[in-house]
Amino acid sequence: MKIIIIGLGNFGRSLALNLTDNGHEVFGVDHKMEKVDLLKDHIANVVCMDANNEAAYKVLPMQQADLGIVAIGENEGSSIVTTAILKKYKHLRIVSRSLSKIHDTILEAMGINDVVHPEQDAAFRLTKQISFNYALDYFRVDNKYSIAEVFSPYSFNGKSVKSIKLTQKYSVSLITVIRDIKNPMSYKDKGKGNASTRKVIGLVTGDTILQKGDILTLFGSNKSIMNFVKEKNHD
């Protein structure tokens, strides 16, 4: 996918690097040369330009781009103008970073459906990780339901999925299990300890046996996940 990211602060820069690592062709844009210099050797293309100048977009492959991301995080007005310019490219999917409730309202009025709040999302995830100190990671599906990764409780070790009755007892569903898989060791590595890689085991069945160190990926209501975490944290 060909992606244009406008705004190369911490959020935009991290996004550009991660998308590049995932095989996308990324074009980074910022009006500050020092931010451009930080990425020039790491992503496909990076341009120093004023994103509020519509004429400047001639240097970008706008007609070939699939996605435009407005990641500006310092100037709400600049972000809105940039989003308005991108809206003129009818084929382009737009993701825009919002900086306030008013910004949300303006983006909604402009017809932008993909709006992100990096700081709020990060704060939400950290809050849940602190509140659910047994949870490794947390993803909000909506205001009521979430997906959480938690260590399998000691009491589950050696038991089958059907025997622990997650749905009946805790009102949560097991999506998959992440497990440490031991890697074959070369002769020269012997004596250095067992090397392992954490891998998703795929779809689980009722007969899947849980092991020590497993990570359970659970889906359920926020209340159900919290109750499970609180109860099993004391195993």
C-alpha atoms as a PDB file:
ATOM      1  CA  MET A   1       0.000   0.000   0.000  1.00  0.00           C
ATOM      2  CA  LYS A   2       1.227   3.533  -0.804  1.00  0.00           C
ATOM      3  CA  ILE A   3       0.720   5.755   2.252  1.00  0.00           C
ATOM      4  CA  ILE A   4       1.304   9.472   2.799  1.00  0.00           C
ATOM      5  CA  ILE A   5       1.862  10.573   6.398  1.00  0.00           C
ATOM      6  CA  ILE A   6       1.708  14.297   7.113  1.00  0.00           C
ATOM      7  CA  GLY A   7       3.251  15.318  10.422  1.00  0.00           C
ATOM      8  CA  LEU A   8       6.406  13.538  11.578  1.00  0.00           C
ATOM      9  CA  GLY A   9       6.371  14.136  15.307  1.00  0.00           C
ATOM     10  CA  ASN A  10       6.619  11.198  17.698  1.00  0.00           C
ATOM     11  CA  PHE A  11       3.322   9.670  16.550  1.00  0.00           C
ATOM     12  CA  GLY A  12       3.818  10.226  12.816  1.00  0.00           C
ATOM     13  CA  ARG A  13       7.432   9.065  12.915  1.00  0.00           C
ATOM     14  CA  SER A  14       6.600   5.851  14.798  1.00  0.00           C
ATOM     15  CA  LEU A  15       3.752   5.195  12.389  1.00  0.00           C
ATOM     16  CA  ALA A  16       5.997   5.730   9.354  1.00  0.00           C
ATOM     17  CA  LEU A  17       8.653   3.346  10.661  1.00  0.00           C
ATOM     18  CA  ASN A  18       6.183   0.634  11.646  1.00  0.00           C
ATOM     19  CA  LEU A  19       4.274   0.804   8.354  1.00  0.00           C
ATOM     20  CA  THR A  20       7.560   0.619   6.449  1.00  0.00           C
ATOM     21  CA  ASP A  21       8.576  -2.432   8.486  1.00  0.00           C
ATOM     22  CA  ASN A  22       5.272  -4.017   7.479  1.00  0.00           C
ATOM     23  CA  GLY A  23       6.064  -3.637   3.784  1.00  0.00           C
ATOM     24  CA  HIS A  24       4.171  -0.448   2.904  1.00  0.00           C
ATOM     25  CA  GLU A  25       5.594   2.340   0.756  1.00  0.00           C
ATOM     26  CA  VAL A  26       5.536   5.409   2.984  1.00  0.00           C
ATOM     27  CA  PHE A  27       5.909   9.063   2.010  1.00  0.00           C
ATOM     28  CA  GLY A  28       6.565  11.261   5.044  1.00  0.00           C
ATOM     29  CA  VAL A  29       5.829  14.989   5.071  1.00  0.00           C
ATOM     30  CA  ASP A  30       6.750  17.693   7.588  1.00  0.00           C
ATOM     31  CA  HIS A  31       7.543  21.392   7.458  1.00  0.00           C
ATOM     32  CA  LYS A  32      10.502  21.035   9.836  1.00  0.00           C
ATOM     33  CA  MET A  33      13.729  19.892   8.221  1.00  0.00           C
ATOM     34  CA  GLU A  34      15.076  18.324  11.407  1.00  0.00           C
ATOM     35  CA  LYS A  35      12.133  15.915  11.489  1.00  0.00           C
ATOM     36  CA  VAL A  36      12.601  15.095   7.815  1.00  0.00           C
ATOM     37  CA  ASP A  37      16.285  14.365   8.403  1.00  0.00           C
ATOM     38  CA  LEU A  38      15.449  11.845  11.138  1.00  0.00           C
ATOM     39  CA  LEU A  39      13.563   9.659   8.653  1.00  0.00           C
ATOM     40  CA  LYS A  40      15.307  10.205   5.319  1.00  0.00           C
ATOM     41  CA  ASP A  41      17.325   6.991   5.583  1.00  0.00           C
ATOM     42  CA  HIS A  42      14.517   4.871   7.014  1.00  0.00           C
ATOM     43  CA  ILE A  43      11.411   5.223   4.827  1.00  0.00           C
ATOM     44  CA  ALA A  44      10.811   5.265   1.066  1.00  0.00           C
ATOM     45  CA  ASN A  45      10.505   9.034   0.657  1.00  0.00           C
ATOM     46  CA  VAL A  46      10.383  12.040   2.936  1.00  0.00           C
ATOM     47  CA  VAL A  47       9.572  15.622   1.928  1.00  0.00           C
ATOM     48  CA  CYS A  48       9.968  18.959   3.686  1.00  0.00           C
ATOM     49  CA  MET A  49       6.996  21.112   2.718  1.00  0.00           C
ATOM     50  CA  ASP A  50       4.130  23.205   4.059  1.00  0.00           C
ATOM     51  CA  ALA A  51       1.134  20.857   4.105  1.00  0.00           C
ATOM     52  CA  ASN A  52      -1.212  23.871   4.132  1.00  0.00           C
ATOM     53  CA  ASN A  53       0.038  24.914   0.703  1.00  0.00           C
ATOM     54  CA  GLU A  54      -2.149  23.080  -1.795  1.00  0.00           C
ATOM     55  CA  ALA A  55       0.285  23.699  -4.658  1.00  0.00           C
ATOM     56  CA  ALA A  56       3.051  21.871  -2.773  1.00  0.00           C
ATOM     57  CA  TYR A  57       1.216  18.547  -3.141  1.00  0.00           C
ATOM     58  CA  LYS A  58       2.437  18.337  -6.745  1.00  0.00           C
ATOM     59  CA  VAL A  59       5.648  16.739  -5.425  1.00  0.00           C
ATOM     60  CA  LEU A  60       3.661  13.872  -3.857  1.00  0.00           C
ATOM     61  CA  PRO A  61       2.127  10.858  -5.643  1.00  0.00           C
ATOM     62  CA  MET A  62      -1.388  11.837  -4.635  1.00  0.00           C
ATOM     63  CA  GLN A  63      -3.151  10.037  -7.486  1.00  0.00           C
ATOM     64  CA  GLN A  64      -1.339   6.777  -6.760  1.00  0.00           C
ATOM     65  CA  ALA A  65      -1.648   6.917  -2.958  1.00  0.00           C
ATOM     66  CA  ASP A  66      -4.102   4.633  -1.177  1.00  0.00           C
ATOM     67  CA  LEU A  67      -4.120   6.266   2.235  1.00  0.00           C
ATOM     68  CA  GLY A  68      -3.435   9.719   3.642  1.00  0.00           C
ATOM     69  CA  ILE A  69      -2.748  10.085   7.373  1.00  0.00           C
ATOM     70  CA  VAL A  70      -2.854  13.502   9.019  1.00  0.00           C
ATOM     71  CA  ALA A  71      -0.646  13.000  12.079  1.00  0.00           C
ATOM     72  CA  ILE A  72      -0.096  16.672  12.936  1.00  0.00           C
ATOM     73  CA  GLY A  73      -0.056  17.053  16.698  1.00  0.00           C
ATOM     74  CA  GLU A  74       0.911  20.653  17.407  1.00  0.00           C
ATOM     75  CA  ASN A  75      -1.475  22.852  15.431  1.00  0.00           C
ATOM     76  CA  GLU A  76      -5.173  22.097  15.249  1.00  0.00           C
ATOM     77  CA  GLY A  77      -5.811  24.660  12.524  1.00  0.00           C
ATOM     78  CA  SER A  78      -3.038  23.280  10.348  1.00  0.00           C
ATOM     79  CA  SER A  79      -4.383  19.768  10.813  1.00  0.00           C
ATOM     80  CA  ILE A  80      -7.871  20.814   9.707  1.00  0.00           C
ATOM     81  CA  VAL A  81      -6.591  22.658   6.618  1.00  0.00           C
ATOM     82  CA  THR A  82      -4.428  19.669   5.663  1.00  0.00           C
ATOM     83  CA  THR A  83      -7.387  17.323   6.037  1.00  0.00           C
ATOM     84  CA  ALA A  84      -9.501  19.619   3.849  1.00  0.00           C
ATOM     85  CA  ILE A  85      -6.846  19.529   1.115  1.00  0.00           C
ATOM     86  CA  LEU A  86      -6.668  15.731   1.222  1.00  0.00           C
ATOM     87  CA  LYS A  87     -10.478  15.561   0.941  1.00  0.00           C
ATOM     88  CA  LYS A  88     -10.168  16.919  -2.588  1.00  0.00           C
ATOM     89  CA  TYR A  89      -8.580  13.627  -3.646  1.00  0.00           C
ATOM     90  CA  LYS A  90     -11.804  11.630  -3.823  1.00  0.00           C
ATOM     91  CA  HIS A  91     -10.159   8.202  -4.111  1.00  0.00           C
ATOM     92  CA  LEU A  92      -8.003   8.676  -1.029  1.00  0.00           C
ATOM     93  CA  ARG A  93      -8.899   7.102   2.292  1.00  0.00           C
ATOM     94  CA  ILE A  94      -8.105   9.591   5.053  1.00  0.00           C
ATOM     95  CA  VAL A  95      -7.157   8.960   8.676  1.00  0.00           C
ATOM     96  CA  SER A  96      -6.908  12.116  10.760  1.00  0.00           C
ATOM     97  CA  ARG A  97      -5.527  12.682  14.236  1.00  0.00           C
ATOM     98  CA  SER A  98      -7.830  14.697  16.498  1.00  0.00           C
ATOM     99  CA  LEU A  99      -6.543  17.026  19.183  1.00  0.00           C
ATOM    100  CA  SER A 100      -9.794  17.981  20.942  1.00  0.00           C
ATOM    101  CA  LYS A 101     -13.555  17.477  21.111  1.00  0.00           C
ATOM    102  CA  ILE A 102     -14.076  20.472  18.809  1.00  0.00           C
ATOM    103  CA  HIS A 103     -11.600  18.920  16.380  1.00  0.00           C
ATOM    104  CA  ASP A 104     -13.673  15.720  16.498  1.00  0.00           C
ATOM    105  CA  THR A 105     -16.797  17.688  15.614  1.00  0.00           C
ATOM    106  CA  ILE A 106     -15.117  19.439  12.682  1.00  0.00           C
ATOM    107  CA  LEU A 107     -13.709  16.179  11.291  1.00  0.00           C
ATOM    108  CA  GLU A 108     -17.121  14.546  11.589  1.00  0.00           C
ATOM    109  CA  ALA A 109     -18.681  17.478   9.710  1.00  0.00           C
ATOM    110  CA  MET A 110     -16.028  17.040   7.012  1.00  0.00           C
ATOM    111  CA  GLY A 111     -17.031  13.395   6.597  1.00  0.00           C
ATOM    112  CA  ILE A 112     -13.857  11.899   8.091  1.00  0.00           C
ATOM    113  CA  ASN A 113     -14.783   8.503   9.514  1.00  0.00           C
ATOM    114  CA  ASP A 114     -11.315   7.378  10.589  1.00  0.00           C
ATOM    115  CA  VAL A 115     -10.285   9.579  13.517  1.00  0.00           C
ATOM    116  CA  VAL A 116      -7.534   8.639  15.966  1.00  0.00           C
ATOM    117  CA  HIS A 117      -6.627   9.926  19.426  1.00  0.00           C
ATOM    118  CA  PRO A 118      -3.113   8.596  20.152  1.00  0.00           C
ATOM    119  CA  GLU A 119      -2.715  10.196  23.579  1.00  0.00           C
ATOM    120  CA  GLN A 120      -6.188   9.174  24.772  1.00  0.00           C
ATOM    121  CA  ASP A 121      -5.763   5.637  23.438  1.00  0.00           C
ATOM    122  CA  ALA A 122      -2.357   5.282  25.097  1.00  0.00           C
ATOM    123  CA  ALA A 123      -3.752   6.619  28.378  1.00  0.00           C
ATOM    124  CA  PHE A 124      -6.711   4.222  28.157  1.00  0.00           C
ATOM    125  CA  ARG A 125      -4.453   1.231  27.551  1.00  0.00           C
ATOM    126  CA  LEU A 126      -2.141   2.200  30.416  1.00  0.00           C
ATOM    127  CA  THR A 127      -5.108   2.725  32.741  1.00  0.00           C
ATOM    128  CA  LYS A 128      -6.399  -0.746  31.940  1.00  0.00           C
ATOM    129  CA  GLN A 129      -2.971  -2.311  32.377  1.00  0.00           C
ATOM    130  CA  ILE A 130      -2.618  -0.633  35.774  1.00  0.00           C
ATOM    131  CA  SER A 131      -6.157  -1.554  36.799  1.00  0.00           C
ATOM    132  CA  PHE A 132      -5.759  -5.081  35.409  1.00  0.00           C
ATOM    133  CA  ASN A 133      -2.242  -5.678  36.686  1.00  0.00           C
ATOM    134  CA  TYR A 134      -2.605  -9.275  35.539  1.00  0.00           C
ATOM    135  CA  ALA A 135      -3.269  -8.196  31.930  1.00  0.00           C
ATOM    136  CA  LEU A 136      -0.350  -7.943  29.500  1.00  0.00           C
ATOM    137  CA  ASP A 137      -2.173  -6.015  26.817  1.00  0.00           C
ATOM    138  CA  TYR A 138      -5.621  -4.629  26.213  1.00  0.00           C
ATOM    139  CA  PHE A 139      -7.603  -3.666  23.095  1.00  0.00           C
ATOM    140  CA  ARG A 140     -10.935  -1.895  23.287  1.00  0.00           C
ATOM    141  CA  VAL A 141     -13.462  -3.174  20.739  1.00  0.00           C
ATOM    142  CA  ASP A 142     -16.057  -0.586  21.776  1.00  0.00           C
ATOM    143  CA  ASN A 143     -17.196   1.038  25.018  1.00  0.00           C
ATOM    144  CA  LYS A 144     -18.484  -2.256  26.384  1.00  0.00           C
ATOM    145  CA  TYR A 145     -16.304  -5.046  24.976  1.00  0.00           C
ATOM    146  CA  SER A 146     -12.564  -5.619  24.877  1.00  0.00           C
ATOM    147  CA  ILE A 147      -9.860  -8.141  24.045  1.00  0.00           C
ATOM    148  CA  ALA A 148      -7.222  -8.778  26.706  1.00  0.00           C
ATOM    149  CA  GLU A 149      -4.048 -10.851  26.876  1.00  0.00           C
ATOM    150  CA  VAL A 150      -3.490 -12.424  30.303  1.00  0.00           C
ATOM    151  CA  PHE A 151      -1.176 -15.072  31.692  1.00  0.00           C
ATOM    152  CA  SER A 152      -2.907 -18.402  32.082  1.00  0.00           C
ATOM    153  CA  PRO A 153      -3.482 -18.912  35.836  1.00  0.00           C
ATOM    154  CA  TYR A 154      -1.468 -21.621  37.571  1.00  0.00           C
ATOM    155  CA  SER A 155      -4.693 -23.495  38.312  1.00  0.00           C
ATOM    156  CA  PHE A 156      -5.288 -23.935  34.552  1.00  0.00           C
ATOM    157  CA  ASN A 157      -1.975 -25.725  33.896  1.00  0.00           C
ATOM    158  CA  GLY A 158      -2.480 -29.150  32.359  1.00  0.00           C
ATOM    159  CA  LYS A 159      -6.223 -28.677  31.953  1.00  0.00           C
ATOM    160  CA  SER A 160      -8.220 -28.762  28.730  1.00  0.00           C
ATOM    161  CA  VAL A 161     -10.045 -25.668  27.521  1.00  0.00           C
ATOM    162  CA  LYS A 162     -13.435 -27.358  27.870  1.00  0.00           C
ATOM    163  CA  SER A 163     -12.757 -28.332  31.480  1.00  0.00           C
ATOM    164  CA  ILE A 164     -12.092 -24.770  32.695  1.00  0.00           C
ATOM    165  CA  LYS A 165     -15.469 -23.565  31.344  1.00  0.00           C
ATOM    166  CA  LEU A 166     -14.442 -19.995  30.627  1.00  0.00           C
ATOM    167  CA  THR A 167     -17.744 -18.979  29.052  1.00  0.00           C
ATOM    168  CA  GLN A 168     -19.939 -20.590  31.684  1.00  0.00           C
ATOM    169  CA  LYS A 169     -17.943 -19.450  34.717  1.00  0.00           C
ATOM    170  CA  TYR A 170     -16.488 -16.124  33.636  1.00  0.00           C
ATOM    171  CA  SER A 171     -18.525 -15.001  30.580  1.00  0.00           C
ATOM    172  CA  VAL A 172     -15.359 -14.639  28.474  1.00  0.00           C
ATOM    173  CA  SER A 173     -14.337 -16.401  25.261  1.00  0.00           C
ATOM    174  CA  LEU A 174     -10.865 -17.752  24.496  1.00  0.00           C
ATOM    175  CA  ILE A 175      -9.741 -16.547  21.054  1.00  0.00           C
ATOM    176  CA  THR A 176      -6.310 -18.145  20.983  1.00  0.00           C
ATOM    177  CA  VAL A 177      -3.261 -19.021  23.081  1.00  0.00           C
ATOM    178  CA  ILE A 178       0.240 -17.565  22.798  1.00  0.00           C
ATOM    179  CA  ARG A 179       2.876 -20.092  23.848  1.00  0.00           C
ATOM    180  CA  ASP A 180       6.639 -20.285  24.250  1.00  0.00           C
ATOM    181  CA  ILE A 181       7.853 -22.778  21.648  1.00  0.00           C
ATOM    182  CA  LYS A 182      11.318 -24.219  22.215  1.00  0.00           C
ATOM    183  CA  ASN A 183      13.618 -23.844  19.234  1.00  0.00           C
ATOM    184  CA  PRO A 184      16.049 -26.553  18.120  1.00  0.00           C
ATOM    185  CA  MET A 185      19.514 -25.617  19.351  1.00  0.00           C
ATOM    186  CA  SER A 186      22.672 -25.788  17.321  1.00  0.00           C
ATOM    187  CA  TYR A 187      25.717 -27.584  18.690  1.00  0.00           C
ATOM    188  CA  LYS A 188      27.533 -24.341  19.475  1.00  0.00           C
ATOM    189  CA  ASP A 189      24.548 -23.035  21.470  1.00  0.00           C
ATOM    190  CA  LYS A 190      24.303 -26.041  23.771  1.00  0.00           C
ATOM    191  CA  GLY A 191      24.843 -25.216  27.402  1.00  0.00           C
ATOM    192  CA  LYS A 192      23.486 -21.675  27.032  1.00  0.00           C
ATOM    193  CA  GLY A 193      19.937 -22.526  28.102  1.00  0.00           C
ATOM    194  CA  ASN A 194      16.830 -23.329  26.097  1.00  0.00           C
ATOM    195  CA  ALA A 195      15.975 -20.805  23.376  1.00  0.00           C
ATOM    196  CA  SER A 196      12.279 -20.248  22.742  1.00  0.00           C
ATOM    197  CA  THR A 197       9.988 -18.150  20.592  1.00  0.00           C
ATOM    198  CA  ARG A 198       6.555 -16.930  21.599  1.00  0.00           C
ATOM    199  CA  LYS A 199       4.008 -18.029  18.974  1.00  0.00           C
ATOM    200  CA  VAL A 200       0.242 -18.053  18.481  1.00  0.00           C
ATOM    201  CA  ILE A 201      -0.907 -21.676  18.439  1.00  0.00           C
ATOM    202  CA  GLY A 202      -3.915 -20.916  16.210  1.00  0.00           C
ATOM    203  CA  LEU A 203      -7.540 -21.843  16.783  1.00  0.00           C
ATOM    204  CA  VAL A 204      -8.131 -23.599  20.077  1.00  0.00           C
ATOM    205  CA  THR A 205     -10.533 -26.478  20.628  1.00  0.00           C
ATOM    206  CA  GLY A 206     -12.084 -27.907  23.749  1.00  0.00           C
ATOM    207  CA  ASP A 207      -9.297 -30.487  23.815  1.00  0.00           C
ATOM    208  CA  THR A 208      -6.456 -27.951  23.747  1.00  0.00           C
ATOM    209  CA  ILE A 209      -4.331 -28.425  26.880  1.00  0.00           C
ATOM    210  CA  LEU A 210      -3.106 -25.277  28.607  1.00  0.00           C
ATOM    211  CA  GLN A 211       0.522 -25.143  29.712  1.00  0.00           C
ATOM    212  CA  LYS A 212       2.581 -23.199  32.207  1.00  0.00           C
ATOM    213  CA  GLY A 213       3.487 -19.768  30.793  1.00  0.00           C
ATOM    214  CA  ASP A 214       0.648 -19.678  28.256  1.00  0.00           C
ATOM    215  CA  ILE A 215      -0.899 -16.309  27.441  1.00  0.00           C
ATOM    216  CA  LEU A 216      -4.668 -16.369  26.943  1.00  0.00           C
ATOM    217  CA  THR A 217      -6.269 -13.980  24.465  1.00  0.00           C
ATOM    218  CA  LEU A 218      -9.753 -13.354  25.834  1.00  0.00           C
ATOM    219  CA  PHE A 219     -12.819 -11.561  24.493  1.00  0.00           C
ATOM    220  CA  GLY A 220     -15.657 -10.342  26.671  1.00  0.00           C
ATOM    221  CA  SER A 221     -17.331  -7.390  28.317  1.00  0.00           C
ATOM    222  CA  ASN A 222     -15.081  -5.057  30.282  1.00  0.00           C
ATOM    223  CA  LYS A 223     -16.803  -6.159  33.475  1.00  0.00           C
ATOM    224  CA  SER A 224     -16.352  -9.873  32.740  1.00  0.00           C
ATOM    225  CA  ILE A 225     -12.666  -9.485  31.905  1.00  0.00           C
ATOM    226  CA  MET A 226     -12.070  -7.404  35.026  1.00  0.00           C
ATOM    227  CA  ASN A 227     -13.805  -9.996  37.199  1.00  0.00           C
ATOM    228  CA  PHE A 228     -11.754 -12.797  35.630  1.00  0.00           C
ATOM    229  CA  VAL A 229      -8.493 -10.897  36.101  1.00  0.00           C
ATOM    230  CA  LYS A 230      -9.250 -10.012  39.720  1.00  0.00           C
ATOM    231  CA  GLU A 231     -10.261 -13.563  40.635  1.00  0.00           C
ATOM    232  CA  LYS A 232      -7.521 -15.455  38.821  1.00  0.00           C
ATOM    233  CA  ASN A 233      -4.820 -12.985  39.880  1.00  0.00           C
ATOM    234  CA  HIS A 234      -4.994 -14.591  43.301  1.00  0.00           C
ATOM    235  CA  ASP A 235      -4.439 -18.175  42.101  1.00  0.00           C
END
